[in-house]
Amino acid sequence: MKNELSNLCDDEEINQKTEIFKAIADPTRLQILYLLKFKDLYVCEVMEVLNKPQSTISHHLNVLKNVGLIKSSKEGIWICYGLKNPDIILLMDNFCEPVQDNRLGLSLGGGGCCG
């Protein structure tokens, strides 16, 4: 069984996937991802919607960027953030749907919690 696991994924790949799951396990970071589903946003816009301080939002944006879920672009003195791959929201919703169906008797219906 150990050989089969080592043939599927190496330790580095497992660690990368673990970091992605850790990043999306935080409610604030999930909210940020859902916000970025609609359009690219500046830090101040995310702060306003989530009603959180700049340091908190910047920290969460950094975590999401470090695992490759979001991208940033500098526009003058401002930094704009967006989803690296917009399909990530659909993938997350599809991943959670069977679990929610089984555990809670609920379905996201493809729209997600924010869709």
PDB file of N, CA and C in Angstrom:
ATOM      1  N   MET A   1       0.825  -1.187   0.000  1.00  0.00           N
ATOM      2  CA  MET A   1       0.000   0.000   0.000  1.00  0.00           C
ATOM      3  C   MET A   1       0.872   1.256   0.000  1.00  0.00           C
ATOM      4  N   LYS A   2       1.972   1.233   0.717  1.00  0.00           N
ATOM      5  CA  LYS A   2       2.862   2.381   0.780  1.00  0.00           C
ATOM      6  C   LYS A   2       3.433   2.700  -0.606  1.00  0.00           C
ATOM      7  N   ASN A   3       3.792   1.673  -1.361  1.00  0.00           N
ATOM      8  CA  ASN A   3       4.316   1.878  -2.710  1.00  0.00           C
ATOM      9  C   ASN A   3       3.280   2.530  -3.614  1.00  0.00           C
ATOM     10  N   GLU A   4       2.025   2.132  -3.464  1.00  0.00           N
ATOM     11  CA  GLU A   4       0.964   2.708  -4.281  1.00  0.00           C
ATOM     12  C   GLU A   4       0.804   4.193  -3.993  1.00  0.00           C
ATOM     13  N   LEU A   5       0.875   4.574  -2.740  1.00  0.00           N
ATOM     14  CA  LEU A   5       0.767   5.981  -2.381  1.00  0.00           C
ATOM     15  C   LEU A   5       1.944   6.771  -2.942  1.00  0.00           C
ATOM     16  N   SER A   6       3.135   6.233  -2.828  1.00  0.00           N
ATOM     17  CA  SER A   6       4.309   6.947  -3.330  1.00  0.00           C
ATOM     18  C   SER A   6       4.271   7.086  -4.849  1.00  0.00           C
ATOM     19  N   ASN A   7       3.602   6.167  -5.546  1.00  0.00           N
ATOM     20  CA  ASN A   7       3.465   6.267  -6.996  1.00  0.00           C
ATOM     21  C   ASN A   7       2.440   7.325  -7.389  1.00  0.00           C
ATOM     22  N   LEU A   8       1.485   7.600  -6.517  1.00  0.00           N
ATOM     23  CA  LEU A   8       0.448   8.588  -6.823  1.00  0.00           C
ATOM     24  C   LEU A   8       0.956  10.014  -6.679  1.00  0.00           C
ATOM     25  N   CYS A   9       1.586  10.322  -5.569  1.00  0.00           N
ATOM     26  CA  CYS A   9       2.018  11.684  -5.270  1.00  0.00           C
ATOM     27  C   CYS A   9       3.318  11.649  -4.484  1.00  0.00           C
ATOM     28  N   ASP A  10       4.205  12.560  -4.816  1.00  0.00           N
ATOM     29  CA  ASP A  10       5.397  12.666  -3.989  1.00  0.00           C
ATOM     30  C   ASP A  10       5.100  13.595  -2.812  1.00  0.00           C
ATOM     31  N   ASP A  11       5.998  13.643  -1.852  1.00  0.00           N
ATOM     32  CA  ASP A  11       5.790  14.441  -0.642  1.00  0.00           C
ATOM     33  C   ASP A  11       5.589  15.918  -0.958  1.00  0.00           C
ATOM     34  N   GLU A  12       6.330  16.431  -1.918  1.00  0.00           N
ATOM     35  CA  GLU A  12       6.205  17.852  -2.258  1.00  0.00           C
ATOM     36  C   GLU A  12       4.808  18.175  -2.787  1.00  0.00           C
ATOM     37  N   GLU A  13       4.283  17.296  -3.633  1.00  0.00           N
ATOM     38  CA  GLU A  13       2.937  17.504  -4.177  1.00  0.00           C
ATOM     39  C   GLU A  13       1.878  17.432  -3.075  1.00  0.00           C
ATOM     40  N   ILE A  14       2.029  16.481  -2.175  1.00  0.00           N
ATOM     41  CA  ILE A  14       1.102  16.363  -1.040  1.00  0.00           C
ATOM     42  C   ILE A  14       1.169  17.620  -0.184  1.00  0.00           C
ATOM     43  N   ASN A  15       2.381  18.112   0.085  1.00  0.00           N
ATOM     44  CA  ASN A  15       2.538  19.329   0.887  1.00  0.00           C
ATOM     45  C   ASN A  15       1.910  20.538   0.211  1.00  0.00           C
ATOM     46  N   GLN A  16       2.067  20.666  -1.111  1.00  0.00           N
ATOM     47  CA  GLN A  16       1.465  21.786  -1.840  1.00  0.00           C
ATOM     48  C   GLN A  16      -0.061  21.730  -1.741  1.00  0.00           C
ATOM     49  N   LYS A  17      -0.617  20.565  -1.906  1.00  0.00           N
ATOM     50  CA  LYS A  17      -2.077  20.421  -1.814  1.00  0.00           C
ATOM     51  C   LYS A  17      -2.564  20.709  -0.400  1.00  0.00           C
ATOM     52  N   THR A  18      -1.796  20.277   0.580  1.00  0.00           N
ATOM     53  CA  THR A  18      -2.150  20.549   1.971  1.00  0.00           C
ATOM     54  C   THR A  18      -2.188  22.051   2.232  1.00  0.00           C
ATOM     55  N   GLU A  19      -1.218  22.779   1.712  1.00  0.00           N
ATOM     56  CA  GLU A  19      -1.182  24.232   1.899  1.00  0.00           C
ATOM     57  C   GLU A  19      -2.381  24.916   1.245  1.00  0.00           C
ATOM     58  N   ILE A  20      -2.806  24.426   0.092  1.00  0.00           N
ATOM     59  CA  ILE A  20      -3.989  24.989  -0.564  1.00  0.00           C
ATOM     60  C   ILE A  20      -5.227  24.760   0.290  1.00  0.00           C
ATOM     61  N   PHE A  21      -5.394  23.531   0.793  1.00  0.00           N
ATOM     62  CA  PHE A  21      -6.554  23.260   1.639  1.00  0.00           C
ATOM     63  C   PHE A  21      -6.516  24.084   2.917  1.00  0.00           C
ATOM     64  N   LYS A  22      -5.336  24.280   3.493  1.00  0.00           N
ATOM     65  CA  LYS A  22      -5.222  25.126   4.683  1.00  0.00           C
ATOM     66  C   LYS A  22      -5.644  26.553   4.356  1.00  0.00           C
ATOM     67  N   ALA A  23      -5.237  27.028   3.189  1.00  0.00           N
ATOM     68  CA  ALA A  23      -5.554  28.404   2.798  1.00  0.00           C
ATOM     69  C   ALA A  23      -7.054  28.616   2.649  1.00  0.00           C
ATOM     70  N   ILE A  24      -7.741  27.664   2.055  1.00  0.00           N
ATOM     71  CA  ILE A  24      -9.178  27.856   1.854  1.00  0.00           C
ATOM     72  C   ILE A  24     -10.012  27.428   3.060  1.00  0.00           C
ATOM     73  N   ALA A  25      -9.362  26.900   4.090  1.00  0.00           N
ATOM     74  CA  ALA A  25     -10.086  26.479   5.286  1.00  0.00           C
ATOM     75  C   ALA A  25     -10.479  27.644   6.184  1.00  0.00           C
ATOM     76  N   ASP A  26      -9.976  28.825   5.900  1.00  0.00           N
ATOM     77  CA  ASP A  26     -10.283  29.995   6.715  1.00  0.00           C
ATOM     78  C   ASP A  26     -11.510  30.719   6.144  1.00  0.00           C
ATOM     79  N   PRO A  27     -12.504  31.035   6.980  1.00  0.00           N
ATOM     80  CA  PRO A  27     -13.725  31.695   6.486  1.00  0.00           C
ATOM     81  C   PRO A  27     -13.462  33.030   5.781  1.00  0.00           C
ATOM     82  N   THR A  28     -12.553  33.834   6.300  1.00  0.00           N
ATOM     83  CA  THR A  28     -12.260  35.123   5.662  1.00  0.00           C
ATOM     84  C   THR A  28     -11.655  34.916   4.283  1.00  0.00           C
ATOM     85  N   ARG A  29     -10.763  33.961   4.155  1.00  0.00           N
ATOM     86  CA  ARG A  29     -10.153  33.709   2.846  1.00  0.00           C
ATOM     87  C   ARG A  29     -11.176  33.161   1.849  1.00  0.00           C
ATOM     88  N   LEU A  30     -12.095  32.339   2.324  1.00  0.00           N
ATOM     89  CA  LEU A  30     -13.166  31.865   1.438  1.00  0.00           C
ATOM     90  C   LEU A  30     -14.031  33.035   0.978  1.00  0.00           C
ATOM     91  N   GLN A  31     -14.347  33.938   1.891  1.00  0.00           N
ATOM     92  CA  GLN A  31     -15.132  35.110   1.523  1.00  0.00           C
ATOM     93  C   GLN A  31     -14.401  35.943   0.472  1.00  0.00           C
ATOM     94  N   ILE A  32     -13.106  36.094   0.637  1.00  0.00           N
ATOM     95  CA  ILE A  32     -12.310  36.851  -0.338  1.00  0.00           C
ATOM     96  C   ILE A  32     -12.374  36.178  -1.702  1.00  0.00           C
ATOM     97  N   LEU A  33     -12.217  34.869  -1.734  1.00  0.00           N
ATOM     98  CA  LEU A  33     -12.291  34.156  -3.014  1.00  0.00           C
ATOM     99  C   LEU A  33     -13.643  34.361  -3.681  1.00  0.00           C
ATOM    100  N   TYR A  34     -14.709  34.277  -2.908  1.00  0.00           N
ATOM    101  CA  TYR A  34     -16.037  34.486  -3.479  1.00  0.00           C
ATOM    102  C   TYR A  34     -16.219  35.923  -3.963  1.00  0.00           C
ATOM    103  N   LEU A  35     -15.659  36.891  -3.246  1.00  0.00           N
ATOM    104  CA  LEU A  35     -15.717  38.289  -3.713  1.00  0.00           C
ATOM    105  C   LEU A  35     -14.989  38.460  -5.043  1.00  0.00           C
ATOM    106  N   LEU A  36     -13.833  37.835  -5.148  1.00  0.00           N
ATOM    107  CA  LEU A  36     -13.024  37.966  -6.364  1.00  0.00           C
ATOM    108  C   LEU A  36     -13.636  37.220  -7.543  1.00  0.00           C
ATOM    109  N   LYS A  37     -14.627  36.412  -7.281  1.00  0.00           N
ATOM    110  CA  LYS A  37     -15.354  35.721  -8.348  1.00  0.00           C
ATOM    111  C   LYS A  37     -16.008  36.736  -9.285  1.00  0.00           C
ATOM    112  N   PHE A  38     -16.447  37.849  -8.729  1.00  0.00           N
ATOM    113  CA  PHE A  38     -17.190  38.837  -9.503  1.00  0.00           C
ATOM    114  C   PHE A  38     -16.296  39.809 -10.264  1.00  0.00           C
ATOM    115  N   LYS A  39     -15.205  40.222  -9.629  1.00  0.00           N
ATOM    116  CA  LYS A  39     -14.273  41.137 -10.295  1.00  0.00           C
ATOM    117  C   LYS A  39     -13.014  41.283  -9.462  1.00  0.00           C
ATOM    118  N   ASP A  40     -11.956  41.780 -10.100  1.00  0.00           N
ATOM    119  CA  ASP A  40     -10.718  42.073  -9.375  1.00  0.00           C
ATOM    120  C   ASP A  40     -10.975  43.246  -8.440  1.00  0.00           C
ATOM    121  N   LEU A  41     -10.351  43.201  -7.264  1.00  0.00           N
ATOM    122  CA  LEU A  41     -10.593  44.217  -6.242  1.00  0.00           C
ATOM    123  C   LEU A  41      -9.296  44.720  -5.628  1.00  0.00           C
ATOM    124  N   TYR A  42      -9.339  45.943  -5.161  1.00  0.00           N
ATOM    125  CA  TYR A  42      -8.253  46.525  -4.384  1.00  0.00           C
ATOM    126  C   TYR A  42      -8.453  46.134  -2.920  1.00  0.00           C
ATOM    127  N   VAL A  43      -7.375  46.196  -2.147  1.00  0.00           N
ATOM    128  CA  VAL A  43      -7.433  45.852  -0.725  1.00  0.00           C
ATOM    129  C   VAL A  43      -8.519  46.659  -0.018  1.00  0.00           C
ATOM    130  N   CYS A  44      -8.593  47.950  -0.311  1.00  0.00           N
ATOM    131  CA  CYS A  44      -9.574  48.812   0.369  1.00  0.00           C
ATOM    132  C   CYS A  44     -11.010  48.372   0.075  1.00  0.00           C
ATOM    133  N   GLU A  45     -11.257  47.840  -1.124  1.00  0.00           N
ATOM    134  CA  GLU A  45     -12.599  47.368  -1.460  1.00  0.00           C
ATOM    135  C   GLU A  45     -12.940  46.102  -0.675  1.00  0.00           C
ATOM    136  N   VAL A  46     -11.969  45.209  -0.542  1.00  0.00           N
ATOM    137  CA  VAL A  46     -12.185  43.988   0.242  1.00  0.00           C
ATOM    138  C   VAL A  46     -12.402  44.357   1.707  1.00  0.00           C
ATOM    139  N   MET A  47     -11.616  45.306   2.206  1.00  0.00           N
ATOM    140  CA  MET A  47     -11.763  45.769   3.592  1.00  0.00           C
ATOM    141  C   MET A  47     -13.176  46.288   3.848  1.00  0.00           C
ATOM    142  N   GLU A  48     -13.665  47.078   2.932  1.00  0.00           N
ATOM    143  CA  GLU A  48     -14.985  47.683   3.090  1.00  0.00           C
ATOM    144  C   GLU A  48     -16.088  46.621   3.125  1.00  0.00           C
ATOM    145  N   VAL A  49     -16.039  45.680   2.218  1.00  0.00           N
ATOM    146  CA  VAL A  49     -17.079  44.654   2.148  1.00  0.00           C
ATOM    147  C   VAL A  49     -17.037  43.742   3.371  1.00  0.00           C
ATOM    148  N   LEU A  50     -15.841  43.328   3.774  1.00  0.00           N
ATOM    149  CA  LEU A  50     -15.717  42.378   4.887  1.00  0.00           C
ATOM    150  C   LEU A  50     -15.628  43.056   6.256  1.00  0.00           C
ATOM    151  N   ASN A  51     -15.488  44.377   6.240  1.00  0.00           N
ATOM    152  CA  ASN A  51     -15.413  45.154   7.489  1.00  0.00           C
ATOM    153  C   ASN A  51     -14.297  44.642   8.399  1.00  0.00           C
ATOM    154  N   LYS A  52     -13.121  44.510   7.807  1.00  0.00           N
ATOM    155  CA  LYS A  52     -11.937  44.043   8.540  1.00  0.00           C
ATOM    156  C   LYS A  52     -10.795  45.018   8.277  1.00  0.00           C
ATOM    157  N   PRO A  53      -9.838  45.101   9.201  1.00  0.00           N
ATOM    158  CA  PRO A  53      -8.717  46.037   9.022  1.00  0.00           C
ATOM    159  C   PRO A  53      -7.783  45.636   7.885  1.00  0.00           C
ATOM    160  N   GLN A  54      -7.051  46.616   7.398  1.00  0.00           N
ATOM    161  CA  GLN A  54      -6.135  46.427   6.276  1.00  0.00           C
ATOM    162  C   GLN A  54      -5.116  45.327   6.556  1.00  0.00           C
ATOM    163  N   SER A  55      -4.574  45.295   7.752  1.00  0.00           N
ATOM    164  CA  SER A  55      -3.554  44.283   8.063  1.00  0.00           C
ATOM    165  C   SER A  55      -4.117  42.865   7.961  1.00  0.00           C
ATOM    166  N   THR A  56      -5.344  42.675   8.392  1.00  0.00           N
ATOM    167  CA  THR A  56      -5.987  41.359   8.322  1.00  0.00           C
ATOM    168  C   THR A  56      -6.217  40.952   6.869  1.00  0.00           C
ATOM    169  N   ILE A  57      -6.768  41.870   6.086  1.00  0.00           N
ATOM    170  CA  ILE A  57      -7.055  41.578   4.677  1.00  0.00           C
ATOM    171  C   ILE A  57      -5.757  41.312   3.923  1.00  0.00           C
ATOM    172  N   SER A  58      -4.744  42.120   4.155  1.00  0.00           N
ATOM    173  CA  SER A  58      -3.457  41.929   3.473  1.00  0.00           C
ATOM    174  C   SER A  58      -2.852  40.567   3.814  1.00  0.00           C
ATOM    175  N   HIS A  59      -2.949  40.176   5.070  1.00  0.00           N
ATOM    176  CA  HIS A  59      -2.436  38.868   5.485  1.00  0.00           C
ATOM    177  C   HIS A  59      -3.142  37.750   4.709  1.00  0.00           C
ATOM    178  N   HIS A  60      -4.464  37.805   4.673  1.00  0.00           N
ATOM    179  CA  HIS A  60      -5.230  36.754   3.996  1.00  0.00           C
ATOM    180  C   HIS A  60      -4.964  36.753   2.489  1.00  0.00           C
ATOM    181  N   LEU A  61      -4.833  37.925   1.891  1.00  0.00           N
ATOM    182  CA  LEU A  61      -4.514  37.999   0.469  1.00  0.00           C
ATOM    183  C   LEU A  61      -3.140  37.383   0.194  1.00  0.00           C
ATOM    184  N   ASN A  62      -2.193  37.631   1.078  1.00  0.00           N
ATOM    185  CA  ASN A  62      -0.851  37.043   0.928  1.00  0.00           C
ATOM    186  C   ASN A  62      -0.893  35.520   0.987  1.00  0.00           C
ATOM    187  N   VAL A  63      -1.660  34.983   1.913  1.00  0.00           N
ATOM    188  CA  VAL A  63      -1.773  33.527   2.029  1.00  0.00           C
ATOM    189  C   VAL A  63      -2.344  32.949   0.735  1.00  0.00           C
ATOM    190  N   LEU A  64      -3.413  33.558   0.234  1.00  0.00           N
ATOM    191  CA  LEU A  64      -4.041  33.084  -1.006  1.00  0.00           C
ATOM    192  C   LEU A  64      -3.103  33.216  -2.202  1.00  0.00           C
ATOM    193  N   LYS A  65      -2.333  34.290  -2.226  1.00  0.00           N
ATOM    194  CA  LYS A  65      -1.388  34.500  -3.325  1.00  0.00           C
ATOM    195  C   LYS A  65      -0.237  33.493  -3.248  1.00  0.00           C
ATOM    196  N   ASN A  66       0.249  33.235  -2.051  1.00  0.00           N
ATOM    197  CA  ASN A  66       1.384  32.317  -1.872  1.00  0.00           C
ATOM    198  C   ASN A  66       1.069  30.885  -2.297  1.00  0.00           C
ATOM    199  N   VAL A  67      -0.201  30.485  -2.205  1.00  0.00           N
ATOM    200  CA  VAL A  67      -0.561  29.130  -2.641  1.00  0.00           C
ATOM    201  C   VAL A  67      -1.016  29.114  -4.100  1.00  0.00           C
ATOM    202  N   GLY A  68      -1.037  30.277  -4.732  1.00  0.00           N
ATOM    203  CA  GLY A  68      -1.333  30.344  -6.162  1.00  0.00           C
ATOM    204  C   GLY A  68      -2.799  30.458  -6.533  1.00  0.00           C
ATOM    205  N   LEU A  69      -3.663  30.821  -5.581  1.00  0.00           N
ATOM    206  CA  LEU A  69      -5.081  30.948  -5.893  1.00  0.00           C
ATOM    207  C   LEU A  69      -5.450  32.309  -6.466  1.00  0.00           C
ATOM    208  N   ILE A  70      -4.676  33.333  -6.093  1.00  0.00           N
ATOM    209  CA  ILE A  70      -4.965  34.673  -6.612  1.00  0.00           C
ATOM    210  C   ILE A  70      -3.704  35.286  -7.206  1.00  0.00           C
ATOM    211  N   LYS A  71      -3.916  36.335  -7.994  1.00  0.00           N
ATOM    212  CA  LYS A  71      -2.822  37.085  -8.613  1.00  0.00           C
ATOM    213  C   LYS A  71      -2.975  38.541  -8.216  1.00  0.00           C
ATOM    214  N   SER A  72      -1.910  39.288  -8.359  1.00  0.00           N
ATOM    215  CA  SER A  72      -1.974  40.716  -8.059  1.00  0.00           C
ATOM    216  C   SER A  72      -1.311  41.493  -9.182  1.00  0.00           C
ATOM    217  N   SER A  73      -1.768  42.728  -9.332  1.00  0.00           N
ATOM    218  CA  SER A  73      -1.130  43.629 -10.283  1.00  0.00           C
ATOM    219  C   SER A  73      -1.075  45.014  -9.658  1.00  0.00           C
ATOM    220  N   LYS A  74       0.067  45.646  -9.807  1.00  0.00           N
ATOM    221  CA  LYS A  74       0.266  46.967  -9.219  1.00  0.00           C
ATOM    222  C   LYS A  74      -0.196  48.021 -10.212  1.00  0.00           C
ATOM    223  N   GLU A  75      -1.024  48.916  -9.733  1.00  0.00           N
ATOM    224  CA  GLU A  75      -1.527  50.020 -10.537  1.00  0.00           C
ATOM    225  C   GLU A  75      -1.210  51.308  -9.786  1.00  0.00           C
ATOM    226  N   GLY A  76      -0.075  51.902 -10.124  1.00  0.00           N
ATOM    227  CA  GLY A  76       0.400  53.067  -9.367  1.00  0.00           C
ATOM    228  C   GLY A  76       0.814  52.623  -7.981  1.00  0.00           C
ATOM    229  N   ILE A  77       0.190  53.218  -6.967  1.00  0.00           N
ATOM    230  CA  ILE A  77       0.495  52.817  -5.588  1.00  0.00           C
ATOM    231  C   ILE A  77      -0.474  51.752  -5.075  1.00  0.00           C
ATOM    232  N   TRP A  78      -1.445  51.384  -5.894  1.00  0.00           N
ATOM    233  CA  TRP A  78      -2.477  50.436  -5.494  1.00  0.00           C
ATOM    234  C   TRP A  78      -2.189  49.046  -6.052  1.00  0.00           C
ATOM    235  N   ILE A  79      -2.608  48.029  -5.311  1.00  0.00           N
ATOM    236  CA  ILE A  79      -2.469  46.654  -5.770  1.00  0.00           C
ATOM    237  C   ILE A  79      -3.875  46.070  -5.931  1.00  0.00           C
ATOM    238  N   CYS A  80      -4.128  45.528  -7.102  1.00  0.00           N
ATOM    239  CA  CYS A  80      -5.419  44.926  -7.418  1.00  0.00           C
ATOM    240  C   CYS A  80      -5.258  43.404  -7.399  1.00  0.00           C
ATOM    241  N   TYR A  81      -6.221  42.719  -6.800  1.00  0.00           N
ATOM    242  CA  TYR A  81      -6.167  41.266  -6.676  1.00  0.00           C
ATOM    243  C   TYR A  81      -7.300  40.626  -7.454  1.00  0.00           C
ATOM    244  N   GLY A  82      -7.019  39.462  -8.028  1.00  0.00           N
ATOM    245  CA  GLY A  82      -8.026  38.715  -8.763  1.00  0.00           C
ATOM    246  C   GLY A  82      -7.743  37.227  -8.689  1.00  0.00           C
ATOM    247  N   LEU A  83      -8.724  36.444  -9.079  1.00  0.00           N
ATOM    248  CA  LEU A  83      -8.549  34.998  -9.103  1.00  0.00           C
ATOM    249  C   LEU A  83      -7.581  34.624 -10.222  1.00  0.00           C
ATOM    250  N   LYS A  84      -6.662  33.749  -9.919  1.00  0.00           N
ATOM    251  CA  LYS A  84      -5.738  33.255 -10.942  1.00  0.00           C
ATOM    252  C   LYS A  84      -6.504  32.391 -11.943  1.00  0.00           C
ATOM    253  N   ASN A  85      -7.436  31.601 -11.424  1.00  0.00           N
ATOM    254  CA  ASN A  85      -8.275  30.748 -12.262  1.00  0.00           C
ATOM    255  C   ASN A  85      -9.707  30.865 -11.732  1.00  0.00           C
ATOM    256  N   PRO A  86     -10.591  31.553 -12.463  1.00  0.00           N
ATOM    257  CA  PRO A  86     -11.971  31.731 -11.988  1.00  0.00           C
ATOM    258  C   PRO A  86     -12.711  30.423 -11.733  1.00  0.00           C
ATOM    259  N   ASP A  87     -12.269  29.336 -12.329  1.00  0.00           N
ATOM    260  CA  ASP A  87     -12.926  28.041 -12.125  1.00  0.00           C
ATOM    261  C   ASP A  87     -12.749  27.508 -10.704  1.00  0.00           C
ATOM    262  N   ILE A  88     -11.874  28.118  -9.915  1.00  0.00           N
ATOM    263  CA  ILE A  88     -11.626  27.625  -8.557  1.00  0.00           C
ATOM    264  C   ILE A  88     -12.911  27.636  -7.730  1.00  0.00           C
ATOM    265  N   ILE A  89     -13.776  28.623  -7.947  1.00  0.00           N
ATOM    266  CA  ILE A  89     -15.027  28.707  -7.188  1.00  0.00           C
ATOM    267  C   ILE A  89     -15.922  27.513  -7.530  1.00  0.00           C
ATOM    268  N   LEU A  90     -16.067  27.231  -8.791  1.00  0.00           N
ATOM    269  CA  LEU A  90     -16.874  26.081  -9.220  1.00  0.00           C
ATOM    270  C   LEU A  90     -16.272  24.777  -8.691  1.00  0.00           C
ATOM    271  N   LEU A  91     -14.952  24.664  -8.742  1.00  0.00           N
ATOM    272  CA  LEU A  91     -14.293  23.465  -8.231  1.00  0.00           C
ATOM    273  C   LEU A  91     -14.547  23.283  -6.736  1.00  0.00           C
ATOM    274  N   MET A  92     -14.453  24.388  -5.971  1.00  0.00           N
ATOM    275  CA  MET A  92     -14.713  24.303  -4.529  1.00  0.00           C
ATOM    276  C   MET A  92     -16.161  23.903  -4.263  1.00  0.00           C
ATOM    277  N   ASP A  93     -17.093  24.519  -5.003  1.00  0.00           N
ATOM    278  CA  ASP A  93     -18.508  24.196  -4.814  1.00  0.00           C
ATOM    279  C   ASP A  93     -18.782  22.736  -5.158  1.00  0.00           C
ATOM    280  N   ASN A  94     -18.212  22.268  -6.262  1.00  0.00           N
ATOM    281  CA  ASN A  94     -18.406  20.884  -6.666  1.00  0.00           C
ATOM    282  C   ASN A  94     -17.770  19.914  -5.676  1.00  0.00           C
ATOM    283  N   PHE A  95     -16.637  20.294  -5.112  1.00  0.00           N
ATOM    284  CA  PHE A  95     -15.956  19.458  -4.129  1.00  0.00           C
ATOM    285  C   PHE A  95     -16.804  19.316  -2.868  1.00  0.00           C
ATOM    286  N   CYS A  96     -17.427  20.401  -2.446  1.00  0.00           N
ATOM    287  CA  CYS A  96     -18.193  20.401  -1.198  1.00  0.00           C
ATOM    288  C   CYS A  96     -19.587  19.814  -1.342  1.00  0.00           C
ATOM    289  N   GLU A  97     -20.153  19.854  -2.521  1.00  0.00           N
ATOM    290  CA  GLU A  97     -21.543  19.441  -2.717  1.00  0.00           C
ATOM    291  C   GLU A  97     -21.850  18.023  -2.237  1.00  0.00           C
ATOM    292  N   PRO A  98     -21.080  16.997  -2.625  1.00  0.00           N
ATOM    293  CA  PRO A  98     -21.418  15.642  -2.155  1.00  0.00           C
ATOM    294  C   PRO A  98     -21.304  15.500  -0.641  1.00  0.00           C
ATOM    295  N   VAL A  99     -20.359  16.193  -0.049  1.00  0.00           N
ATOM    296  CA  VAL A  99     -20.180  16.124   1.402  1.00  0.00           C
ATOM    297  C   VAL A  99     -21.380  16.752   2.088  1.00  0.00           C
ATOM    298  N   GLN A 100     -21.810  17.914   1.589  1.00  0.00           N
ATOM    299  CA  GLN A 100     -22.966  18.576   2.192  1.00  0.00           C
ATOM    300  C   GLN A 100     -24.239  17.770   1.977  1.00  0.00           C
ATOM    301  N   ASP A 101     -24.381  17.157   0.825  1.00  0.00           N
ATOM    302  CA  ASP A 101     -25.543  16.309   0.567  1.00  0.00           C
ATOM    303  C   ASP A 101     -25.623  15.190   1.598  1.00  0.00           C
ATOM    304  N   ASN A 102     -24.493  14.569   1.876  1.00  0.00           N
ATOM    305  CA  ASN A 102     -24.469  13.430   2.788  1.00  0.00           C
ATOM    306  C   ASN A 102     -24.578  13.827   4.252  1.00  0.00           C
ATOM    307  N   ARG A 103     -23.900  14.888   4.643  1.00  0.00           N
ATOM    308  CA  ARG A 103     -23.844  15.254   6.063  1.00  0.00           C
ATOM    309  C   ARG A 103     -25.024  16.104   6.501  1.00  0.00           C
ATOM    310  N   LEU A 104     -25.437  17.039   5.646  1.00  0.00           N
ATOM    311  CA  LEU A 104     -26.428  18.010   6.088  1.00  0.00           C
ATOM    312  C   LEU A 104     -27.769  17.880   5.382  1.00  0.00           C
ATOM    313  N   GLY A 105     -27.815  17.037   4.372  1.00  0.00           N
ATOM    314  CA  GLY A 105     -29.050  16.954   3.608  1.00  0.00           C
ATOM    315  C   GLY A 105     -29.278  18.185   2.757  1.00  0.00           C
ATOM    316  N   LEU A 106     -28.215  18.941   2.493  1.00  0.00           N
ATOM    317  CA  LEU A 106     -28.311  20.162   1.710  1.00  0.00           C
ATOM    318  C   LEU A 106     -27.531  20.010   0.424  1.00  0.00           C
ATOM    319  N   SER A 107     -27.854  20.851  -0.543  1.00  0.00           N
ATOM    320  CA  SER A 107     -27.098  20.909  -1.782  1.00  0.00           C
ATOM    321  C   SER A 107     -26.816  22.356  -2.100  1.00  0.00           C
ATOM    322  N   LEU A 108     -25.617  22.614  -2.587  1.00  0.00           N
ATOM    323  CA  LEU A 108     -25.282  23.969  -3.000  1.00  0.00           C
ATOM    324  C   LEU A 108     -25.950  24.315  -4.330  1.00  0.00           C
ATOM    325  N   GLY A 109     -26.456  23.336  -5.036  1.00  0.00           N
ATOM    326  CA  GLY A 109     -27.148  23.586  -6.280  1.00  0.00           C
ATOM    327  C   GLY A 109     -26.292  24.240  -7.335  1.00  0.00           C
ATOM    328  N   GLY A 110     -24.974  24.097  -7.230  1.00  0.00           N
ATOM    329  CA  GLY A 110     -24.053  24.644  -8.221  1.00  0.00           C
ATOM    330  C   GLY A 110     -23.795  26.121  -8.039  1.00  0.00           C
ATOM    331  N   GLY A 111     -24.619  26.834  -7.247  1.00  0.00           N
ATOM    332  CA  GLY A 111     -24.453  28.274  -7.099  1.00  0.00           C
ATOM    333  C   GLY A 111     -23.512  28.644  -5.975  1.00  0.00           C
ATOM    334  N   GLY A 112     -23.251  27.748  -5.076  1.00  0.00           N
ATOM    335  CA  GLY A 112     -22.368  28.038  -3.960  1.00  0.00           C
ATOM    336  C   GLY A 112     -23.059  28.866  -2.904  1.00  0.00           C
ATOM    337  N   CYS A 113     -22.344  29.123  -1.847  1.00  0.00           N
ATOM    338  CA  CYS A 113     -22.938  29.877  -0.733  1.00  0.00           C
ATOM    339  C   CYS A 113     -23.144  31.335  -1.103  1.00  0.00           C
ATOM    340  N   CYS A 114     -22.379  31.803  -2.027  1.00  0.00           N
ATOM    341  CA  CYS A 114     -22.450  33.217  -2.390  1.00  0.00           C
ATOM    342  C   CYS A 114     -22.948  33.424  -3.808  1.00  0.00           C
ATOM    343  N   GLY A 115     -23.341  32.377  -4.499  1.00  0.00           N
ATOM    344  CA  GLY A 115     -23.691  32.493  -5.908  1.00  0.00           C
ATOM    345  C   GLY A 115     -25.146  32.662  -6.176  1.00  0.00           C
TER     346      GLY A 115
END
